[in-house]
Amino acid sequence: MFGEAKKLHLIEEILKIEDAALLAEVETVIAKSKLHAVGRRSFTSFAGMWTKEEADELEKTIAEGCEQIHPDEWK
């Protein structure tokens, strides 16, 4: 509910603005926020983005760099 109260407070403050330039700036900020809005995507929407070669290269990099066990580091 805190978010809703904050929104109402901002609306009240915007209604008090009498300076056209300031109101235009507020409008610009709101418009810019809509440009960068990103909706949620399912994981399956990423399927097929890489070629087989790219996927193989990533798998090789992980195998070479992340799946190595160095027993001396555990002492």
PDB file of N, CA and C in Angstrom:
ATOM      1  N   MET A   1       0.824  -1.207   0.000  1.00  0.00           N
ATOM      2  CA  MET A   1       0.000   0.000   0.000  1.00  0.00           C
ATOM      3  C   MET A   1       0.858   1.258   0.000  1.00  0.00           C
ATOM      4  N   PHE A   2       2.089   1.121   0.485  1.00  0.00           N
ATOM      5  CA  PHE A   2       2.984   2.268   0.512  1.00  0.00           C
ATOM      6  C   PHE A   2       3.163   2.851  -0.877  1.00  0.00           C
ATOM      7  N   GLY A   3       3.286   1.991  -1.870  1.00  0.00           N
ATOM      8  CA  GLY A   3       3.469   2.442  -3.248  1.00  0.00           C
ATOM      9  C   GLY A   3       2.282   3.239  -3.748  1.00  0.00           C
ATOM     10  N   GLU A   4       1.087   2.793  -3.406  1.00  0.00           N
ATOM     11  CA  GLU A   4      -0.121   3.496  -3.845  1.00  0.00           C
ATOM     12  C   GLU A   4      -0.209   4.881  -3.202  1.00  0.00           C
ATOM     13  N   ALA A   5       0.149   4.988  -1.942  1.00  0.00           N
ATOM     14  CA  ALA A   5       0.127   6.277  -1.251  1.00  0.00           C
ATOM     15  C   ALA A   5       1.140   7.229  -1.885  1.00  0.00           C
ATOM     16  N   LYS A   6       2.291   6.696  -2.249  1.00  0.00           N
ATOM     17  CA  LYS A   6       3.324   7.516  -2.882  1.00  0.00           C
ATOM     18  C   LYS A   6       2.839   8.025  -4.233  1.00  0.00           C
ATOM     19  N   LYS A   7       2.159   7.167  -4.992  1.00  0.00           N
ATOM     20  CA  LYS A   7       1.621   7.576  -6.289  1.00  0.00           C
ATOM     21  C   LYS A   7       0.606   8.701  -6.130  1.00  0.00           C
ATOM     22  N   LEU A   8      -0.274   8.545  -5.149  1.00  0.00           N
ATOM     23  CA  LEU A   8      -1.277   9.589  -4.912  1.00  0.00           C
ATOM     24  C   LEU A   8      -0.622  10.913  -4.521  1.00  0.00           C
ATOM     25  N   HIS A   9       0.423  10.825  -3.716  1.00  0.00           N
ATOM     26  CA  HIS A   9       1.141  12.035  -3.315  1.00  0.00           C
ATOM     27  C   HIS A   9       1.753  12.718  -4.545  1.00  0.00           C
ATOM     28  N   LEU A  10       2.362  11.921  -5.436  1.00  0.00           N
ATOM     29  CA  LEU A  10       2.955  12.492  -6.643  1.00  0.00           C
ATOM     30  C   LEU A  10       1.897  13.132  -7.538  1.00  0.00           C
ATOM     31  N   ILE A  11       0.749  12.490  -7.645  1.00  0.00           N
ATOM     32  CA  ILE A  11      -0.341  13.067  -8.447  1.00  0.00           C
ATOM     33  C   ILE A  11      -0.767  14.409  -7.868  1.00  0.00           C
ATOM     34  N   GLU A  12      -0.880  14.467  -6.549  1.00  0.00           N
ATOM     35  CA  GLU A  12      -1.253  15.731  -5.902  1.00  0.00           C
ATOM     36  C   GLU A  12      -0.220  16.817  -6.200  1.00  0.00           C
ATOM     37  N   GLU A  13       1.060  16.463  -6.148  1.00  0.00           N
ATOM     38  CA  GLU A  13       2.111  17.439  -6.424  1.00  0.00           C
ATOM     39  C   GLU A  13       2.082  17.874  -7.891  1.00  0.00           C
ATOM     40  N   ILE A  14       1.820  16.966  -8.790  1.00  0.00           N
ATOM     41  CA  ILE A  14       1.748  17.309 -10.216  1.00  0.00           C
ATOM     42  C   ILE A  14       0.585  18.264 -10.471  1.00  0.00           C
ATOM     43  N   LEU A  15      -0.514  18.045  -9.792  1.00  0.00           N
ATOM     44  CA  LEU A  15      -1.677  18.930  -9.968  1.00  0.00           C
ATOM     45  C   LEU A  15      -1.389  20.363  -9.521  1.00  0.00           C
ATOM     46  N   LYS A  16      -0.428  20.543  -8.640  1.00  0.00           N
ATOM     47  CA  LYS A  16      -0.071  21.876  -8.146  1.00  0.00           C
ATOM     48  C   LYS A  16       0.871  22.630  -9.089  1.00  0.00           C
ATOM     49  N   ILE A  17       1.465  21.927 -10.056  1.00  0.00           N
ATOM     50  CA  ILE A  17       2.443  22.559 -10.953  1.00  0.00           C
ATOM     51  C   ILE A  17       1.747  23.565 -11.857  1.00  0.00           C
ATOM     52  N   GLU A  18       2.268  24.791 -11.859  1.00  0.00           N
ATOM     53  CA  GLU A  18       1.721  25.835 -12.723  1.00  0.00           C
ATOM     54  C   GLU A  18       2.711  26.252 -13.804  1.00  0.00           C
ATOM     55  N   ASP A  19       3.959  25.858 -13.665  1.00  0.00           N
ATOM     56  CA  ASP A  19       4.995  26.192 -14.625  1.00  0.00           C
ATOM     57  C   ASP A  19       4.938  25.207 -15.799  1.00  0.00           C
ATOM     58  N   ALA A  20       4.694  25.707 -16.997  1.00  0.00           N
ATOM     59  CA  ALA A  20       4.549  24.856 -18.178  1.00  0.00           C
ATOM     60  C   ALA A  20       5.833  24.082 -18.488  1.00  0.00           C
ATOM     61  N   ALA A  21       6.978  24.721 -18.286  1.00  0.00           N
ATOM     62  CA  ALA A  21       8.250  24.058 -18.567  1.00  0.00           C
ATOM     63  C   ALA A  21       8.470  22.887 -17.611  1.00  0.00           C
ATOM     64  N   LEU A  22       8.153  23.085 -16.348  1.00  0.00           N
ATOM     65  CA  LEU A  22       8.309  22.015 -15.362  1.00  0.00           C
ATOM     66  C   LEU A  22       7.345  20.870 -15.660  1.00  0.00           C
ATOM     67  N   LEU A  23       6.130  21.222 -16.045  1.00  0.00           N
ATOM     68  CA  LEU A  23       5.152  20.198 -16.393  1.00  0.00           C
ATOM     69  C   LEU A  23       5.616  19.402 -17.620  1.00  0.00           C
ATOM     70  N   ALA A  24       6.234  20.089 -18.568  1.00  0.00           N
ATOM     71  CA  ALA A  24       6.773  19.416 -19.752  1.00  0.00           C
ATOM     72  C   ALA A  24       7.894  18.452 -19.365  1.00  0.00           C
ATOM     73  N   GLU A  25       8.711  18.831 -18.401  1.00  0.00           N
ATOM     74  CA  GLU A  25       9.784  17.940 -17.935  1.00  0.00           C
ATOM     75  C   GLU A  25       9.217  16.688 -17.280  1.00  0.00           C
ATOM     76  N   VAL A  26       8.185  16.874 -16.475  1.00  0.00           N
ATOM     77  CA  VAL A  26       7.531  15.727 -15.837  1.00  0.00           C
ATOM     78  C   VAL A  26       6.957  14.803 -16.911  1.00  0.00           C
ATOM     79  N   GLU A  27       6.351  15.394 -17.912  1.00  0.00           N
ATOM     80  CA  GLU A  27       5.781  14.615 -19.015  1.00  0.00           C
ATOM     81  C   GLU A  27       6.876  13.831 -19.748  1.00  0.00           C
ATOM     82  N   THR A  28       8.037  14.455 -19.938  1.00  0.00           N
ATOM     83  CA  THR A  28       9.165  13.795 -20.603  1.00  0.00           C
ATOM     84  C   THR A  28       9.661  12.607 -19.793  1.00  0.00           C
ATOM     85  N   VAL A  29       9.767  12.786 -18.491  1.00  0.00           N
ATOM     86  CA  VAL A  29      10.219  11.690 -17.623  1.00  0.00           C
ATOM     87  C   VAL A  29       9.250  10.516 -17.715  1.00  0.00           C
ATOM     88  N   ILE A  30       7.964  10.789 -17.702  1.00  0.00           N
ATOM     89  CA  ILE A  30       6.970   9.723 -17.791  1.00  0.00           C
ATOM     90  C   ILE A  30       7.060   9.027 -19.148  1.00  0.00           C
ATOM     91  N   ALA A  31       7.218   9.798 -20.206  1.00  0.00           N
ATOM     92  CA  ALA A  31       7.319   9.220 -21.545  1.00  0.00           C
ATOM     93  C   ALA A  31       8.562   8.339 -21.666  1.00  0.00           C
ATOM     94  N   LYS A  32       9.685   8.791 -21.111  1.00  0.00           N
ATOM     95  CA  LYS A  32      10.918   7.997 -21.167  1.00  0.00           C
ATOM     96  C   LYS A  32      10.776   6.695 -20.393  1.00  0.00           C
ATOM     97  N   SER A  33      10.054   6.733 -19.300  1.00  0.00           N
ATOM     98  CA  SER A  33       9.891   5.517 -18.501  1.00  0.00           C
ATOM     99  C   SER A  33       9.113   4.459 -19.270  1.00  0.00           C
ATOM    100  N   LYS A  34       8.241   4.879 -20.153  1.00  0.00           N
ATOM    101  CA  LYS A  34       7.473   3.929 -20.955  1.00  0.00           C
ATOM    102  C   LYS A  34       8.334   3.303 -22.044  1.00  0.00           C
ATOM    103  N   LEU A  35       9.346   4.010 -22.509  1.00  0.00           N
ATOM    104  CA  LEU A  35      10.215   3.492 -23.556  1.00  0.00           C
ATOM    105  C   LEU A  35      11.055   2.322 -23.076  1.00  0.00           C
ATOM    106  N   HIS A  36      11.403   2.322 -21.791  1.00  0.00           N
ATOM    107  CA  HIS A  36      12.310   1.315 -21.259  1.00  0.00           C
ATOM    108  C   HIS A  36      11.592   0.216 -20.492  1.00  0.00           C
ATOM    109  N   ALA A  37      10.285   0.217 -20.550  1.00  0.00           N
ATOM    110  CA  ALA A  37       9.547  -0.818 -19.839  1.00  0.00           C
ATOM    111  C   ALA A  37       9.765  -2.162 -20.531  1.00  0.00           C
ATOM    112  N   VAL A  38      10.103  -3.149 -19.735  1.00  0.00           N
ATOM    113  CA  VAL A  38      10.347  -4.483 -20.262  1.00  0.00           C
ATOM    114  C   VAL A  38       9.419  -5.447 -19.549  1.00  0.00           C
ATOM    115  N   GLY A  39       8.665  -6.164 -20.326  1.00  0.00           N
ATOM    116  CA  GLY A  39       7.763  -7.141 -19.741  1.00  0.00           C
ATOM    117  C   GLY A  39       8.494  -8.435 -19.415  1.00  0.00           C
ATOM    118  N   ARG A  40       7.842  -9.253 -18.665  1.00  0.00           N
ATOM    119  CA  ARG A  40       8.431 -10.542 -18.310  1.00  0.00           C
ATOM    120  C   ARG A  40       8.375 -11.455 -19.524  1.00  0.00           C
ATOM    121  N   ARG A  41       9.424 -12.240 -19.700  1.00  0.00           N
ATOM    122  CA  ARG A  41       9.479 -13.195 -20.795  1.00  0.00           C
ATOM    123  C   ARG A  41       9.695 -14.582 -20.220  1.00  0.00           C
ATOM    124  N   SER A  42       9.121 -15.555 -20.884  1.00  0.00           N
ATOM    125  CA  SER A  42       9.329 -16.923 -20.422  1.00  0.00           C
ATOM    126  C   SER A  42      10.723 -17.379 -20.851  1.00  0.00           C
ATOM    127  N   PHE A  43      11.229 -18.332 -20.149  1.00  0.00           N
ATOM    128  CA  PHE A  43      12.559 -18.842 -20.446  1.00  0.00           C
ATOM    129  C   PHE A  43      12.611 -19.428 -21.861  1.00  0.00           C
ATOM    130  N   THR A  44      11.526 -20.025 -22.285  1.00  0.00           N
ATOM    131  CA  THR A  44      11.509 -20.644 -23.615  1.00  0.00           C
ATOM    132  C   THR A  44      11.599 -19.619 -24.740  1.00  0.00           C
ATOM    133  N   SER A  45      11.320 -18.367 -24.456  1.00  0.00           N
ATOM    134  CA  SER A  45      11.430 -17.349 -25.503  1.00  0.00           C
ATOM    135  C   SER A  45      12.882 -17.112 -25.911  1.00  0.00           C
ATOM    136  N   PHE A  46      13.827 -17.591 -25.103  1.00  0.00           N
ATOM    137  CA  PHE A  46      15.247 -17.447 -25.426  1.00  0.00           C
ATOM    138  C   PHE A  46      15.779 -18.625 -26.249  1.00  0.00           C
ATOM    139  N   ALA A  47      14.976 -19.645 -26.409  1.00  0.00           N
ATOM    140  CA  ALA A  47      15.416 -20.833 -27.150  1.00  0.00           C
ATOM    141  C   ALA A  47      15.735 -20.463 -28.592  1.00  0.00           C
ATOM    142  N   GLY A  48      16.817 -21.017 -29.083  1.00  0.00           N
ATOM    143  CA  GLY A  48      17.193 -20.801 -30.471  1.00  0.00           C
ATOM    144  C   GLY A  48      17.927 -19.508 -30.749  1.00  0.00           C
ATOM    145  N   MET A  49      18.315 -18.778 -29.719  1.00  0.00           N
ATOM    146  CA  MET A  49      19.000 -17.502 -29.919  1.00  0.00           C
ATOM    147  C   MET A  49      20.457 -17.711 -30.318  1.00  0.00           C
ATOM    148  N   TRP A  50      21.052 -18.815 -29.879  1.00  0.00           N
ATOM    149  CA  TRP A  50      22.443 -19.097 -30.193  1.00  0.00           C
ATOM    150  C   TRP A  50      22.517 -20.173 -31.269  1.00  0.00           C
ATOM    151  N   THR A  51      23.552 -20.099 -32.044  1.00  0.00           N
ATOM    152  CA  THR A  51      23.813 -21.176 -32.989  1.00  0.00           C
ATOM    153  C   THR A  51      24.364 -22.366 -32.213  1.00  0.00           C
ATOM    154  N   LYS A  52      24.401 -23.524 -32.850  1.00  0.00           N
ATOM    155  CA  LYS A  52      24.970 -24.706 -32.199  1.00  0.00           C
ATOM    156  C   LYS A  52      26.422 -24.472 -31.842  1.00  0.00           C
ATOM    157  N   GLU A  53      27.143 -23.780 -32.723  1.00  0.00           N
ATOM    158  CA  GLU A  53      28.551 -23.502 -32.470  1.00  0.00           C
ATOM    159  C   GLU A  53      28.727 -22.615 -31.244  1.00  0.00           C
ATOM    160  N   GLU A  54      27.879 -21.599 -31.104  1.00  0.00           N
ATOM    161  CA  GLU A  54      27.973 -20.706 -29.938  1.00  0.00           C
ATOM    162  C   GLU A  54      27.656 -21.464 -28.653  1.00  0.00           C
ATOM    163  N   ALA A  55      26.639 -22.310 -28.692  1.00  0.00           N
ATOM    164  CA  ALA A  55      26.283 -23.093 -27.513  1.00  0.00           C
ATOM    165  C   ALA A  55      27.395 -24.058 -27.144  1.00  0.00           C
ATOM    166  N   ASP A  56      27.996 -24.698 -28.157  1.00  0.00           N
ATOM    167  CA  ASP A  56      29.108 -25.618 -27.897  1.00  0.00           C
ATOM    168  C   ASP A  56      30.303 -24.888 -27.289  1.00  0.00           C
ATOM    169  N   GLU A  57      30.571 -23.687 -27.792  1.00  0.00           N
ATOM    170  CA  GLU A  57      31.696 -22.903 -27.267  1.00  0.00           C
ATOM    171  C   GLU A  57      31.459 -22.531 -25.808  1.00  0.00           C
ATOM    172  N   LEU A  58      30.236 -22.130 -25.471  1.00  0.00           N
ATOM    173  CA  LEU A  58      29.926 -21.787 -24.086  1.00  0.00           C
ATOM    174  C   LEU A  58      30.053 -23.020 -23.193  1.00  0.00           C
ATOM    175  N   GLU A  59      29.546 -24.145 -23.665  1.00  0.00           N
ATOM    176  CA  GLU A  59      29.635 -25.369 -22.879  1.00  0.00           C
ATOM    177  C   GLU A  59      31.095 -25.755 -22.644  1.00  0.00           C
ATOM    178  N   LYS A  60      31.933 -25.597 -23.665  1.00  0.00           N
ATOM    179  CA  LYS A  60      33.358 -25.894 -23.530  1.00  0.00           C
ATOM    180  C   LYS A  60      34.017 -24.957 -22.523  1.00  0.00           C
ATOM    181  N   THR A  61      33.691 -23.684 -22.591  1.00  0.00           N
ATOM    182  CA  THR A  61      34.253 -22.701 -21.660  1.00  0.00           C
ATOM    183  C   THR A  61      33.872 -23.035 -20.232  1.00  0.00           C
ATOM    184  N   ILE A  62      32.626 -23.423 -20.013  1.00  0.00           N
ATOM    185  CA  ILE A  62      32.183 -23.794 -18.669  1.00  0.00           C
ATOM    186  C   ILE A  62      32.926 -25.032 -18.194  1.00  0.00           C
ATOM    187  N   ALA A  63      33.036 -26.009 -19.069  1.00  0.00           N
ATOM    188  CA  ALA A  63      33.735 -27.246 -18.697  1.00  0.00           C
ATOM    189  C   ALA A  63      35.192 -26.983 -18.355  1.00  0.00           C
ATOM    190  N   GLU A  64      35.839 -26.102 -19.105  1.00  0.00           N
ATOM    191  CA  GLU A  64      37.254 -25.816 -18.871  1.00  0.00           C
ATOM    192  C   GLU A  64      37.484 -24.946 -17.644  1.00  0.00           C
ATOM    193  N   GLY A  65      36.602 -24.028 -17.373  1.00  0.00           N
ATOM    194  CA  GLY A  65      36.847 -23.056 -16.321  1.00  0.00           C
ATOM    195  C   GLY A  65      36.115 -23.281 -15.022  1.00  0.00           C
ATOM    196  N   CYS A  66      34.947 -23.900 -15.098  1.00  0.00           N
ATOM    197  CA  CYS A  66      34.118 -23.986 -13.894  1.00  0.00           C
ATOM    198  C   CYS A  66      34.053 -25.377 -13.287  1.00  0.00           C
ATOM    199  N   GLU A  67      34.321 -26.379 -14.065  1.00  0.00           N
ATOM    200  CA  GLU A  67      34.150 -27.734 -13.574  1.00  0.00           C
ATOM    201  C   GLU A  67      35.472 -28.379 -13.181  1.00  0.00           C
ATOM    202  N   GLN A  68      36.447 -27.575 -12.868  1.00  0.00           N
ATOM    203  CA  GLN A  68      37.759 -28.088 -12.470  1.00  0.00           C
ATOM    204  C   GLN A  68      37.826 -28.159 -10.949  1.00  0.00           C
ATOM    205  N   ILE A  69      38.295 -29.268 -10.472  1.00  0.00           N
ATOM    206  CA  ILE A  69      38.463 -29.444  -9.024  1.00  0.00           C
ATOM    207  C   ILE A  69      39.953 -29.433  -8.724  1.00  0.00           C
ATOM    208  N   HIS A  70      40.347 -28.543  -7.844  1.00  0.00           N
ATOM    209  CA  HIS A  70      41.734 -28.436  -7.416  1.00  0.00           C
ATOM    210  C   HIS A  70      41.780 -28.856  -5.938  1.00  0.00           C
ATOM    211  N   PRO A  71      42.133 -30.113  -5.683  1.00  0.00           N
ATOM    212  CA  PRO A  71      42.101 -30.633  -4.303  1.00  0.00           C
ATOM    213  C   PRO A  71      42.903 -29.805  -3.313  1.00  0.00           C
ATOM    214  N   ASP A  72      43.994 -29.178  -3.760  1.00  0.00           N
ATOM    215  CA  ASP A  72      44.813 -28.414  -2.833  1.00  0.00           C
ATOM    216  C   ASP A  72      44.113 -27.152  -2.338  1.00  0.00           C
ATOM    217  N   GLU A  73      43.133 -26.665  -3.069  1.00  0.00           N
ATOM    218  CA  GLU A  73      42.413 -25.457  -2.659  1.00  0.00           C
ATOM    219  C   GLU A  73      41.413 -25.726  -1.540  1.00  0.00           C
ATOM    220  N   TRP A  74      41.166 -26.992  -1.255  1.00  0.00           N
ATOM    221  CA  TRP A  74      40.198 -27.348  -0.220  1.00  0.00           C
ATOM    222  C   TRP A  74      40.861 -27.604   1.131  1.00  0.00           C
ATOM    223  N   LYS A  75      42.146 -27.425   1.210  1.00  0.00           N
ATOM    224  CA  LYS A  75      42.864 -27.698   2.468  1.00  0.00           C
ATOM    225  C   LYS A  75      42.904 -26.477   3.339  1.00  0.00           C
TER     226      LYS A  75
END
